Structures are given as C-alpha cells and as structure tokens.
Amino acid sequence: GLGHVDLALGKMGIQRKIALRSQHYLMASQVLQQTDMVMTVPERFARRHELHYFNLPVNDVPQVETHLYWHESTDQDPANRWMREQMIELCQQVTAHDKKLDKALDTSAN
C-alpha cells in the first residue's frame, strides 16, 4: 500500500514509480550500489551512511517511530530483559549522537 511519503506526494499530484520495497534500509542501500535506483530514507540514515541526499518537497510526513515488542511470557526473563535494556540504551545513544550532529549542522549552515 501507499506509505506516508506517497500520500504526501499524492496531495501534490506526484506519484512515484516504485520498483522495490524493503523493510530494511541497509539491504536497500546495497541495491543502490548496484543499480541506478534511488530510495526514500530518513535524513539521519543518509547522513550516517554518507549517502548523497536531498529533501523531498513535502513537509507533512510524520517522523519514523520505532517500537520494541516482546511477549508477556518473557517479561521477567533476565536475558530478555537485559537485551531490551541494551537496545533501549543503544537507541538513546544514537538519538543523542544524532541531536549533536543536527546541532552542529545547524550551526555550520548559519
């Protein structure tokens, strides 16, 4: 189906020709290296992987949300809990790093 980007572009009368959909940006970036395709990714992903990028002409695309799910039977499992804590800590570190990068880029652009 249509994603947020497609809906926003559709409001402008623009339709993309989609040749490949992927749940995984890293796999898609490998495809880019071997084809003349382009992909839609969050700006932070493009910067982090040193990809050439430009902003889409839309402003009403919601931010990408990430959720962590687990079955209630593993809620108290020490190994599962440890893994969840590690994932949360890593996400917090990446977010803090990205915010610093955003601030540095904003400062250098002015």
PDB file of N, CA and C in Angstrom:
ATOM      1  N   GLY A   1       0.811  -1.193   0.000  1.00  0.00           N
ATOM      2  CA  GLY A   1       0.000   0.000   0.000  1.00  0.00           C
ATOM      3  C   GLY A   1       0.851   1.252   0.000  1.00  0.00           C
ATOM      4  N   LEU A   2       0.172   2.354  -0.003  1.00  0.00           N
ATOM      5  CA  LEU A   2       0.854   3.644  -0.019  1.00  0.00           C
ATOM      6  C   LEU A   2       1.351   3.998   1.371  1.00  0.00           C
ATOM      7  N   GLY A   3       2.559   4.520   1.432  1.00  0.00           N
ATOM      8  CA  GLY A   3       3.120   4.966   2.692  1.00  0.00           C
ATOM      9  C   GLY A   3       2.902   6.456   2.881  1.00  0.00           C
ATOM     10  N   HIS A   4       3.439   6.979   3.980  1.00  0.00           N
ATOM     11  CA  HIS A   4       3.274   8.396   4.299  1.00  0.00           C
ATOM     12  C   HIS A   4       3.837   9.303   3.207  1.00  0.00           C
ATOM     13  N   VAL A   5       4.979   8.942   2.667  1.00  0.00           N
ATOM     14  CA  VAL A   5       5.601   9.755   1.621  1.00  0.00           C
ATOM     15  C   VAL A   5       4.711   9.768   0.384  1.00  0.00           C
ATOM     16  N   ASP A   6       4.183   8.601   0.003  1.00  0.00           N
ATOM     17  CA  ASP A   6       3.319   8.524  -1.176  1.00  0.00           C
ATOM     18  C   ASP A   6       2.058   9.360  -0.998  1.00  0.00           C
ATOM     19  N   LEU A   7       1.487   9.326   0.203  1.00  0.00           N
ATOM     20  CA  LEU A   7       0.288  10.111   0.467  1.00  0.00           C
ATOM     21  C   LEU A   7       0.581  11.607   0.374  1.00  0.00           C
ATOM     22  N   ALA A   8       1.711  12.034   0.946  1.00  0.00           N
ATOM     23  CA  ALA A   8       2.080  13.449   0.900  1.00  0.00           C
ATOM     24  C   ALA A   8       2.368  13.889  -0.532  1.00  0.00           C
ATOM     25  N   LEU A   9       3.080  13.068  -1.285  1.00  0.00           N
ATOM     26  CA  LEU A   9       3.353  13.405  -2.684  1.00  0.00           C
ATOM     27  C   LEU A   9       2.065  13.411  -3.500  1.00  0.00           C
ATOM     28  N   GLY A  10       1.164  12.476  -3.210  1.00  0.00           N
ATOM     29  CA  GLY A  10      -0.116  12.415  -3.922  1.00  0.00           C
ATOM     30  C   GLY A  10      -0.926  13.687  -3.773  1.00  0.00           C
ATOM     31  N   LYS A  11      -0.848  14.313  -2.607  1.00  0.00           N
ATOM     32  CA  LYS A  11      -1.547  15.590  -2.394  1.00  0.00           C
ATOM     33  C   LYS A  11      -1.017  16.669  -3.321  1.00  0.00           C
ATOM     34  N   MET A  12       0.232  16.488  -3.781  1.00  0.00           N
ATOM     35  CA  MET A  12       0.846  17.450  -4.684  1.00  0.00           C
ATOM     36  C   MET A  12       0.698  17.023  -6.150  1.00  0.00           C
ATOM     37  N   GLY A  13       0.002  15.913  -6.383  1.00  0.00           N
ATOM     38  CA  GLY A  13      -0.170  15.416  -7.739  1.00  0.00           C
ATOM     39  C   GLY A  13       1.034  14.662  -8.271  1.00  0.00           C
ATOM     40  N   ILE A  14       1.896  14.200  -7.369  1.00  0.00           N
ATOM     41  CA  ILE A  14       3.113  13.484  -7.756  1.00  0.00           C
ATOM     42  C   ILE A  14       2.968  12.015  -7.365  1.00  0.00           C
ATOM     43  N   GLN A  15       3.364  11.129  -8.282  1.00  0.00           N
ATOM     44  CA  GLN A  15       3.304   9.702  -7.991  1.00  0.00           C
ATOM     45  C   GLN A  15       4.664   9.081  -8.283  1.00  0.00           C
ATOM     46  N   ARG A  16       5.152   8.283  -7.340  1.00  0.00           N
ATOM     47  CA  ARG A  16       6.442   7.618  -7.532  1.00  0.00           C
ATOM     48  C   ARG A  16       6.260   6.322  -8.311  1.00  0.00           C
ATOM     49  N   LYS A  17       7.304   5.939  -9.024  1.00  0.00           N
ATOM     50  CA  LYS A  17       7.354   4.615  -9.661  1.00  0.00           C
ATOM     51  C   LYS A  17       8.222   3.751  -8.761  1.00  0.00           C
ATOM     52  N   ILE A  18       7.597   2.873  -7.999  1.00  0.00           N
ATOM     53  CA  ILE A  18       8.312   2.067  -7.015  1.00  0.00           C
ATOM     54  C   ILE A  18       8.664   0.715  -7.629  1.00  0.00           C
ATOM     55  N   ALA A  19       9.960   0.421  -7.656  1.00  0.00           N
ATOM     56  CA  ALA A  19      10.446  -0.838  -8.217  1.00  0.00           C
ATOM     57  C   ALA A  19      10.755  -1.862  -7.133  1.00  0.00           C
ATOM     58  N   LEU A  20      10.988  -1.387  -5.904  1.00  0.00           N
ATOM     59  CA  LEU A  20      11.376  -2.280  -4.815  1.00  0.00           C
ATOM     60  C   LEU A  20      10.939  -1.674  -3.494  1.00  0.00           C
ATOM     61  N   ARG A  21      10.385  -2.482  -2.640  1.00  0.00           N
ATOM     62  CA  ARG A  21      10.075  -2.065  -1.277  1.00  0.00           C
ATOM     63  C   ARG A  21      10.875  -2.960  -0.342  1.00  0.00           C
ATOM     64  N   SER A  22      11.405  -2.357   0.696  1.00  0.00           N
ATOM     65  CA  SER A  22      12.211  -3.114   1.650  1.00  0.00           C
ATOM     66  C   SER A  22      11.928  -2.614   3.055  1.00  0.00           C
ATOM     67  N   GLN A  23      11.850  -3.518   3.986  1.00  0.00           N
ATOM     68  CA  GLN A  23      11.684  -3.158   5.391  1.00  0.00           C
ATOM     69  C   GLN A  23      13.031  -2.756   5.990  1.00  0.00           C
ATOM     70  N   HIS A  24      14.115  -2.989   5.259  1.00  0.00           N
ATOM     71  CA  HIS A  24      15.451  -2.802   5.809  1.00  0.00           C
ATOM     72  C   HIS A  24      16.270  -1.845   4.947  1.00  0.00           C
ATOM     73  N   TYR A  25      16.589  -0.694   5.504  1.00  0.00           N
ATOM     74  CA  TYR A  25      17.360   0.303   4.777  1.00  0.00           C
ATOM     75  C   TYR A  25      18.734  -0.214   4.377  1.00  0.00           C
ATOM     76  N   LEU A  26      19.376  -0.989   5.248  1.00  0.00           N
ATOM     77  CA  LEU A  26      20.722  -1.456   4.922  1.00  0.00           C
ATOM     78  C   LEU A  26      20.726  -2.363   3.699  1.00  0.00           C
ATOM     79  N   MET A  27      19.724  -3.218   3.574  1.00  0.00           N
ATOM     80  CA  MET A  27      19.632  -4.074   2.390  1.00  0.00           C
ATOM     81  C   MET A  27      19.392  -3.203   1.168  1.00  0.00           C
ATOM     82  N   ALA A  28      18.504  -2.229   1.301  1.00  0.00           N
ATOM     83  CA  ALA A  28      18.192  -1.355   0.173  1.00  0.00           C
ATOM     84  C   ALA A  28      19.417  -0.560  -0.262  1.00  0.00           C
ATOM     85  N   SER A  29      20.238  -0.135   0.700  1.00  0.00           N
ATOM     86  CA  SER A  29      21.433   0.629   0.331  1.00  0.00           C
ATOM     87  C   SER A  29      22.409  -0.231  -0.472  1.00  0.00           C
ATOM     88  N   GLN A  30      22.415  -1.534  -0.240  1.00  0.00           N
ATOM     89  CA  GLN A  30      23.242  -2.434  -1.045  1.00  0.00           C
ATOM     90  C   GLN A  30      22.735  -2.482  -2.486  1.00  0.00           C
ATOM     91  N   VAL A  31      21.417  -2.470  -2.666  1.00  0.00           N
ATOM     92  CA  VAL A  31      20.824  -2.457  -4.001  1.00  0.00           C
ATOM     93  C   VAL A  31      21.225  -1.182  -4.731  1.00  0.00           C
ATOM     94  N   LEU A  32      21.237  -0.056  -4.006  1.00  0.00           N
ATOM     95  CA  LEU A  32      21.588   1.223  -4.619  1.00  0.00           C
ATOM     96  C   LEU A  32      22.986   1.204  -5.227  1.00  0.00           C
ATOM     97  N   GLN A  33      23.885   0.491  -4.598  1.00  0.00           N
ATOM     98  CA  GLN A  33      25.255   0.451  -5.087  1.00  0.00           C
ATOM     99  C   GLN A  33      25.383  -0.294  -6.412  1.00  0.00           C
ATOM    100  N   GLN A  34      24.357  -1.092  -6.756  1.00  0.00           N
ATOM    101  CA  GLN A  34      24.436  -1.915  -7.961  1.00  0.00           C
ATOM    102  C   GLN A  34      23.422  -1.520  -9.031  1.00  0.00           C
ATOM    103  N   THR A  35      22.645  -0.445  -8.779  1.00  0.00           N
ATOM    104  CA  THR A  35      21.610  -0.037  -9.734  1.00  0.00           C
ATOM    105  C   THR A  35      21.608   1.488  -9.864  1.00  0.00           C
ATOM    106  N   ASP A  36      20.701   1.979 -10.693  1.00  0.00           N
ATOM    107  CA  ASP A  36      20.521   3.429 -10.810  1.00  0.00           C
ATOM    108  C   ASP A  36      19.285   3.888 -10.034  1.00  0.00           C
ATOM    109  N   MET A  37      18.839   3.070  -9.085  1.00  0.00           N
ATOM    110  CA  MET A  37      17.659   3.405  -8.287  1.00  0.00           C
ATOM    111  C   MET A  37      17.996   4.433  -7.213  1.00  0.00           C
ATOM    112  N   VAL A  38      16.954   5.044  -6.684  1.00  0.00           N
ATOM    113  CA  VAL A  38      17.063   5.928  -5.524  1.00  0.00           C
ATOM    114  C   VAL A  38      16.154   5.360  -4.447  1.00  0.00           C
ATOM    115  N   MET A  39      16.333   5.815  -3.208  1.00  0.00           N
ATOM    116  CA  MET A  39      15.448   5.332  -2.151  1.00  0.00           C
ATOM    117  C   MET A  39      15.080   6.475  -1.217  1.00  0.00           C
ATOM    118  N   THR A  40      13.965   6.298  -0.562  1.00  0.00           N
ATOM    119  CA  THR A  40      13.482   7.259   0.411  1.00  0.00           C
ATOM    120  C   THR A  40      13.854   6.745   1.790  1.00  0.00           C
ATOM    121  N   VAL A  41      14.662   7.535   2.506  1.00  0.00           N
ATOM    122  CA  VAL A  41      15.107   7.163   3.849  1.00  0.00           C
ATOM    123  C   VAL A  41      15.086   8.406   4.723  1.00  0.00           C
ATOM    124  N   PRO A  42      15.083   8.212   6.020  1.00  0.00           N
ATOM    125  CA  PRO A  42      15.222   9.374   6.898  1.00  0.00           C
ATOM    126  C   PRO A  42      16.570  10.063   6.644  1.00  0.00           C
ATOM    127  N   GLU A  43      16.578  11.374   6.766  1.00  0.00           N
ATOM    128  CA  GLU A  43      17.801  12.151   6.526  1.00  0.00           C
ATOM    129  C   GLU A  43      18.955  11.675   7.404  1.00  0.00           C
ATOM    130  N   ARG A  44      18.653  11.329   8.640  1.00  0.00           N
ATOM    131  CA  ARG A  44      19.713  10.869   9.547  1.00  0.00           C
ATOM    132  C   ARG A  44      20.389   9.614   9.029  1.00  0.00           C
ATOM    133  N   PHE A  45      19.605   8.712   8.444  1.00  0.00           N
ATOM    134  CA  PHE A  45      20.188   7.493   7.872  1.00  0.00           C
ATOM    135  C   PHE A  45      21.127   7.869   6.737  1.00  0.00           C
ATOM    136  N   ALA A  46      20.689   8.762   5.865  1.00  0.00           N
ATOM    137  CA  ALA A  46      21.513   9.173   4.723  1.00  0.00           C
ATOM    138  C   ALA A  46      22.816   9.806   5.190  1.00  0.00           C
ATOM    139  N   ARG A  47      22.738  10.674   6.175  1.00  0.00           N
ATOM    140  CA  ARG A  47      23.955  11.326   6.689  1.00  0.00           C
ATOM    141  C   ARG A  47      24.880  10.307   7.340  1.00  0.00           C
ATOM    142  N   ARG A  48      24.309   9.430   8.151  1.00  0.00           N
ATOM    143  CA  ARG A  48      25.117   8.451   8.881  1.00  0.00           C
ATOM    144  C   ARG A  48      25.870   7.527   7.931  1.00  0.00           C
ATOM    145  N   HIS A  49      25.271   7.244   6.775  1.00  0.00           N
ATOM    146  CA  HIS A  49      25.889   6.325   5.819  1.00  0.00           C
ATOM    147  C   HIS A  49      26.524   7.054   4.642  1.00  0.00           C
ATOM    148  N   GLU A  50      26.684   8.372   4.815  1.00  0.00           N
ATOM    149  CA  GLU A  50      27.348   9.208   3.823  1.00  0.00           C
ATOM    150  C   GLU A  50      26.761   9.034   2.427  1.00  0.00           C
ATOM    151  N   LEU A  51      25.431   9.010   2.356  1.00  0.00           N
ATOM    152  CA  LEU A  51      24.733   8.919   1.080  1.00  0.00           C
ATOM    153  C   LEU A  51      24.443  10.326   0.568  1.00  0.00           C
ATOM    154  N   HIS A  52      24.478  10.494  -0.733  1.00  0.00           N
ATOM    155  CA  HIS A  52      24.062  11.763  -1.330  1.00  0.00           C
ATOM    156  C   HIS A  52      22.543  11.836  -1.184  1.00  0.00           C
ATOM    157  N   TYR A  53      22.032  12.959  -0.692  1.00  0.00           N
ATOM    158  CA  TYR A  53      20.590  13.053  -0.474  1.00  0.00           C
ATOM    159  C   TYR A  53      20.088  14.465  -0.730  1.00  0.00           C
ATOM    160  N   PHE A  54      18.783  14.555  -0.918  1.00  0.00           N
ATOM    161  CA  PHE A  54      18.115  15.849  -0.965  1.00  0.00           C
ATOM    162  C   PHE A  54      16.760  15.681  -0.306  1.00  0.00           C
ATOM    163  N   ASN A  55      16.253  16.775   0.223  1.00  0.00           N
ATOM    164  CA  ASN A  55      14.975  16.728   0.924  1.00  0.00           C
ATOM    165  C   ASN A  55      13.826  16.663  -0.059  1.00  0.00           C
ATOM    166  N   LEU A  56      12.816  15.874   0.291  1.00  0.00           N
ATOM    167  CA  LEU A  56      11.614  15.794  -0.527  1.00  0.00           C
ATOM    168  C   LEU A  56      10.839  17.105  -0.415  1.00  0.00           C
ATOM    169  N   PRO A  57      10.052  17.418  -1.422  1.00  0.00           N
ATOM    170  CA  PRO A  57       9.299  18.683  -1.393  1.00  0.00           C
ATOM    171  C   PRO A  57       8.011  18.582  -0.575  1.00  0.00           C
ATOM    172  N   VAL A  58       8.042  17.846   0.509  1.00  0.00           N
ATOM    173  CA  VAL A  58       6.858  17.695   1.370  1.00  0.00           C
ATOM    174  C   VAL A  58       7.256  17.957   2.816  1.00  0.00           C
ATOM    175  N   ASN A  59       6.310  18.440   3.588  1.00  0.00           N
ATOM    176  CA  ASN A  59       6.578  18.745   4.991  1.00  0.00           C
ATOM    177  C   ASN A  59       5.708  17.954   5.954  1.00  0.00           C
ATOM    178  N   ASP A  60       4.665  17.322   5.457  1.00  0.00           N
ATOM    179  CA  ASP A  60       3.717  16.678   6.362  1.00  0.00           C
ATOM    180  C   ASP A  60       3.915  15.166   6.503  1.00  0.00           C
ATOM    181  N   VAL A  61       5.153  14.701   6.345  1.00  0.00           N
ATOM    182  CA  VAL A  61       5.453  13.289   6.546  1.00  0.00           C
ATOM    183  C   VAL A  61       5.844  13.104   8.012  1.00  0.00           C
ATOM    184  N   PRO A  62       5.130  12.235   8.731  1.00  0.00           N
ATOM    185  CA  PRO A  62       5.460  12.048  10.150  1.00  0.00           C
ATOM    186  C   PRO A  62       6.824  11.400  10.334  1.00  0.00           C
ATOM    187  N   GLN A  63       7.422  11.641  11.493  1.00  0.00           N
ATOM    188  CA  GLN A  63       8.705  11.021  11.805  1.00  0.00           C
ATOM    189  C   GLN A  63       8.543   9.508  11.926  1.00  0.00           C
ATOM    190  N   VAL A  64       9.618   8.800  11.628  1.00  0.00           N
ATOM    191  CA  VAL A  64       9.618   7.347  11.748  1.00  0.00           C
ATOM    192  C   VAL A  64       9.632   6.997  13.232  1.00  0.00           C
ATOM    193  N   GLU A  65       8.729   6.125  13.628  1.00  0.00           N
ATOM    194  CA  GLU A  65       8.674   5.673  15.016  1.00  0.00           C
ATOM    195  C   GLU A  65       9.236   4.262  15.111  1.00  0.00           C
ATOM    196  N   THR A  66       9.901   3.997  16.212  1.00  0.00           N
ATOM    197  CA  THR A  66      10.441   2.673  16.461  1.00  0.00           C
ATOM    198  C   THR A  66       9.825   2.150  17.749  1.00  0.00           C
ATOM    199  N   HIS A  67       9.384   0.906  17.706  1.00  0.00           N
ATOM    200  CA  HIS A  67       8.747   0.291  18.872  1.00  0.00           C
ATOM    201  C   HIS A  67       9.463  -1.010  19.209  1.00  0.00           C
ATOM    202  N   LEU A  68       9.439  -1.349  20.450  1.00  0.00           N
ATOM    203  CA  LEU A  68      10.040  -2.592  20.922  1.00  0.00           C
ATOM    204  C   LEU A  68       8.921  -3.444  21.506  1.00  0.00           C
ATOM    205  N   TYR A  69       8.752  -4.647  20.983  1.00  0.00           N
ATOM    206  CA  TYR A  69       7.686  -5.547  21.431  1.00  0.00           C
ATOM    207  C   TYR A  69       8.292  -6.851  21.952  1.00  0.00           C
ATOM    208  N   TRP A  70       7.628  -7.441  22.919  1.00  0.00           N
ATOM    209  CA  TRP A  70       8.012  -8.760  23.396  1.00  0.00           C
ATOM    210  C   TRP A  70       6.783  -9.427  23.990  1.00  0.00           C
ATOM    211  N   HIS A  71       6.818 -10.733  24.033  1.00  0.00           N
ATOM    212  CA  HIS A  71       5.697 -11.490  24.573  1.00  0.00           C
ATOM    213  C   HIS A  71       5.722 -11.398  26.095  1.00  0.00           C
ATOM    214  N   GLU A  72       4.545 -11.319  26.687  1.00  0.00           N
ATOM    215  CA  GLU A  72       4.467 -11.164  28.147  1.00  0.00           C
ATOM    216  C   GLU A  72       5.126 -12.325  28.894  1.00  0.00           C
ATOM    217  N   SER A  73       5.222 -13.488  28.253  1.00  0.00           N
ATOM    218  CA  SER A  73       5.857 -14.627  28.928  1.00  0.00           C
ATOM    219  C   SER A  73       7.356 -14.406  29.133  1.00  0.00           C
ATOM    220  N   THR A  74       7.948 -13.472  28.385  1.00  0.00           N
ATOM    221  CA  THR A  74       9.378 -13.182  28.529  1.00  0.00           C
ATOM    222  C   THR A  74       9.630 -11.891  29.310  1.00  0.00           C
ATOM    223  N   ASP A  75       8.575 -11.309  29.846  1.00  0.00           N
ATOM    224  CA  ASP A  75       8.693 -10.019  30.532  1.00  0.00           C
ATOM    225  C   ASP A  75       9.678 -10.064  31.689  1.00  0.00           C
ATOM    226  N   GLN A  76       9.691 -11.144  32.440  1.00  0.00           N
ATOM    227  CA  GLN A  76      10.569 -11.256  33.612  1.00  0.00           C
ATOM    228  C   GLN A  76      11.837 -12.072  33.338  1.00  0.00           C
ATOM    229  N   ASP A  77      11.996 -12.560  32.124  1.00  0.00           N
ATOM    230  CA  ASP A  77      13.173 -13.350  31.777  1.00  0.00           C
ATOM    231  C   ASP A  77      14.411 -12.458  31.815  1.00  0.00           C
ATOM    232  N   PRO A  78      15.422 -12.804  32.633  1.00  0.00           N
ATOM    233  CA  PRO A  78      16.605 -11.942  32.785  1.00  0.00           C
ATOM    234  C   PRO A  78      17.345 -11.663  31.464  1.00  0.00           C
ATOM    235  N   ALA A  79      17.499 -12.676  30.652  1.00  0.00           N
ATOM    236  CA  ALA A  79      18.217 -12.478  29.383  1.00  0.00           C
ATOM    237  C   ALA A  79      17.423 -11.561  28.449  1.00  0.00           C
ATOM    238  N   ASN A  80      16.123 -11.773  28.391  1.00  0.00           N
ATOM    239  CA  ASN A  80      15.285 -10.948  27.533  1.00  0.00           C
ATOM    240  C   ASN A  80      15.259  -9.509  28.036  1.00  0.00           C
ATOM    241  N   ARG A  81      15.160  -9.357  29.333  1.00  0.00           N
ATOM    242  CA  ARG A  81      15.158  -8.016  29.925  1.00  0.00           C
ATOM    243  C   ARG A  81      16.484  -7.306  29.638  1.00  0.00           C
ATOM    244  N   TRP A  82      17.590  -8.032  29.790  1.00  0.00           N
ATOM    245  CA  TRP A  82      18.907  -7.459  29.512  1.00  0.00           C
ATOM    246  C   TRP A  82      18.977  -6.987  28.051  1.00  0.00           C
ATOM    247  N   MET A  83      18.510  -7.832  27.139  1.00  0.00           N
ATOM    248  CA  MET A  83      18.552  -7.475  25.712  1.00  0.00           C
ATOM    249  C   MET A  83      17.710  -6.225  25.447  1.00  0.00           C
ATOM    250  N   ARG A  84      16.535  -6.138  26.032  1.00  0.00           N
ATOM    251  CA  ARG A  84      15.687  -4.942  25.846  1.00  0.00           C
ATOM    252  C   ARG A  84      16.391  -3.701  26.374  1.00  0.00           C
ATOM    253  N   GLU A  85      17.023  -3.828  27.538  1.00  0.00           N
ATOM    254  CA  GLU A  85      17.735  -2.683  28.123  1.00  0.00           C
ATOM    255  C   GLU A  85      18.890  -2.245  27.229  1.00  0.00           C
ATOM    256  N   GLN A  86      19.598  -3.212  26.652  1.00  0.00           N
ATOM    257  CA  GLN A  86      20.701  -2.888  25.748  1.00  0.00           C
ATOM    258  C   GLN A  86      20.191  -2.153  24.511  1.00  0.00           C
ATOM    259  N   MET A  87      19.088  -2.620  23.971  1.00  0.00           N
ATOM    260  CA  MET A  87      18.519  -1.992  22.778  1.00  0.00           C
ATOM    261  C   MET A  87      18.044  -0.567  23.079  1.00  0.00           C
ATOM    262  N   ILE A  88      17.411  -0.384  24.224  1.00  0.00           N
ATOM    263  CA  ILE A  88      16.948   0.948  24.614  1.00  0.00           C
ATOM    264  C   ILE A  88      18.141   1.884  24.807  1.00  0.00           C
ATOM    265  N   GLU A  89      19.179   1.405  25.483  1.00  0.00           N
ATOM    266  CA  GLU A  89      20.369   2.231  25.711  1.00  0.00           C
ATOM    267  C   GLU A  89      21.030   2.618  24.391  1.00  0.00           C
ATOM    268  N   LEU A  90      21.133   1.667  23.474  1.00  0.00           N
ATOM    269  CA  LEU A  90      21.729   1.948  22.174  1.00  0.00           C
ATOM    270  C   LEU A  90      20.921   2.998  21.421  1.00  0.00           C
ATOM    271  N   CYS A  91      19.614   2.864  21.428  1.00  0.00           N
ATOM    272  CA  CYS A  91      18.757   3.849  20.749  1.00  0.00           C
ATOM    273  C   CYS A  91      18.912   5.233  21.366  1.00  0.00           C
ATOM    274  N   GLN A  92      19.025   5.291  22.677  1.00  0.00           N
ATOM    275  CA  GLN A  92      19.222   6.574  23.353  1.00  0.00           C
ATOM    276  C   GLN A  92      20.563   7.187  22.962  1.00  0.00           C
ATOM    277  N   GLN A  93      21.591   6.370  22.852  1.00  0.00           N
ATOM    278  CA  GLN A  93      22.911   6.865  22.449  1.00  0.00           C
ATOM    279  C   GLN A  93      22.882   7.391  21.009  1.00  0.00           C
ATOM    280  N   VAL A  94      22.234   6.648  20.123  1.00  0.00           N
ATOM    281  CA  VAL A  94      22.142   7.071  18.722  1.00  0.00           C
ATOM    282  C   VAL A  94      21.356   8.375  18.621  1.00  0.00           C
ATOM    283  N   THR A  95      20.256   8.466  19.359  1.00  0.00           N
ATOM    284  CA  THR A  95      19.452   9.685  19.336  1.00  0.00           C
ATOM    285  C   THR A  95      20.254  10.875  19.846  1.00  0.00           C
ATOM    286  N   ALA A  96      20.991  10.692  20.934  1.00  0.00           N
ATOM    287  CA  ALA A  96      21.818  11.776  21.482  1.00  0.00           C
ATOM    288  C   ALA A  96      22.892  12.179  20.467  1.00  0.00           C
ATOM    289  N   HIS A  97      23.512  11.214  19.831  1.00  0.00           N
ATOM    290  CA  HIS A  97      24.525  11.498  18.822  1.00  0.00           C
ATOM    291  C   HIS A  97      23.914  12.254  17.649  1.00  0.00           C
ATOM    292  N   ASP A  98      22.752  11.820  17.186  1.00  0.00           N
ATOM    293  CA  ASP A  98      22.093  12.489  16.067  1.00  0.00           C
ATOM    294  C   ASP A  98      21.715  13.921  16.419  1.00  0.00           C
ATOM    295  N   LYS A  99      21.270  14.151  17.646  1.00  0.00           N
ATOM    296  CA  LYS A  99      20.920  15.514  18.063  1.00  0.00           C
ATOM    297  C   LYS A  99      22.156  16.409  18.055  1.00  0.00           C
ATOM    298  N   LYS A 100      23.291  15.883  18.508  1.00  0.00           N
ATOM    299  CA  LYS A 100      24.538  16.655  18.468  1.00  0.00           C
ATOM    300  C   LYS A 100      24.923  16.962  17.022  1.00  0.00           C
ATOM    301  N   LEU A 101      24.770  15.969  16.151  1.00  0.00           N
ATOM    302  CA  LEU A 101      25.086  16.162  14.743  1.00  0.00           C
ATOM    303  C   LEU A 101      24.161  17.197  14.125  1.00  0.00           C
ATOM    304  N   ASP A 102      22.869  17.112  14.426  1.00  0.00           N
ATOM    305  CA  ASP A 102      21.908  18.096  13.922  1.00  0.00           C
ATOM    306  C   ASP A 102      22.292  19.500  14.355  1.00  0.00           C
ATOM    307  N   LYS A 103      22.654  19.647  15.616  1.00  0.00           N
ATOM    308  CA  LYS A 103      23.022  20.959  16.159  1.00  0.00           C
ATOM    309  C   LYS A 103      24.275  21.483  15.458  1.00  0.00           C
ATOM    310  N   ALA A 104      25.260  20.603  15.259  1.00  0.00           N
ATOM    311  CA  ALA A 104      26.489  21.002  14.573  1.00  0.00           C
ATOM    312  C   ALA A 104      26.210  21.427  13.132  1.00  0.00           C
ATOM    313  N   LEU A 105      25.329  20.694  12.456  1.00  0.00           N
ATOM    314  CA  LEU A 105      24.995  21.033  11.073  1.00  0.00           C
ATOM    315  C   LEU A 105      24.222  22.347  11.010  1.00  0.00           C
ATOM    316  N   ASP A 106      23.316  22.561  11.951  1.00  0.00           N
ATOM    317  CA  ASP A 106      22.562  23.808  12.004  1.00  0.00           C
ATOM    318  C   ASP A 106      23.491  24.986  12.238  1.00  0.00           C
ATOM    319  N   THR A 107      24.471  24.808  13.116  1.00  0.00           N
ATOM    320  CA  THR A 107      25.424  25.875  13.432  1.00  0.00           C
ATOM    321  C   THR A 107      26.289  26.188  12.211  1.00  0.00           C
ATOM    322  N   SER A 108      26.742  25.148  11.508  1.00  0.00           N
ATOM    323  CA  SER A 108      27.616  25.367  10.343  1.00  0.00           C
ATOM    324  C   SER A 108      26.845  25.937   9.160  1.00  0.00           C
ATOM    325  N   ALA A 109      25.527  25.701   9.094  1.00  0.00           N
ATOM    326  CA  ALA A 109      24.722  26.223   7.986  1.00  0.00           C
ATOM    327  C   ALA A 109      24.426  27.705   8.150  1.00  0.00           C
ATOM    328  N   ASN A 110      24.492  28.196   9.386  1.00  0.00           N
ATOM    329  CA  ASN A 110      24.188  29.624   9.633  1.00  0.00           C
ATOM    330  C   ASN A 110      25.377  30.477   9.512  1.00  0.00           C
TER     331      ASN A 110
END
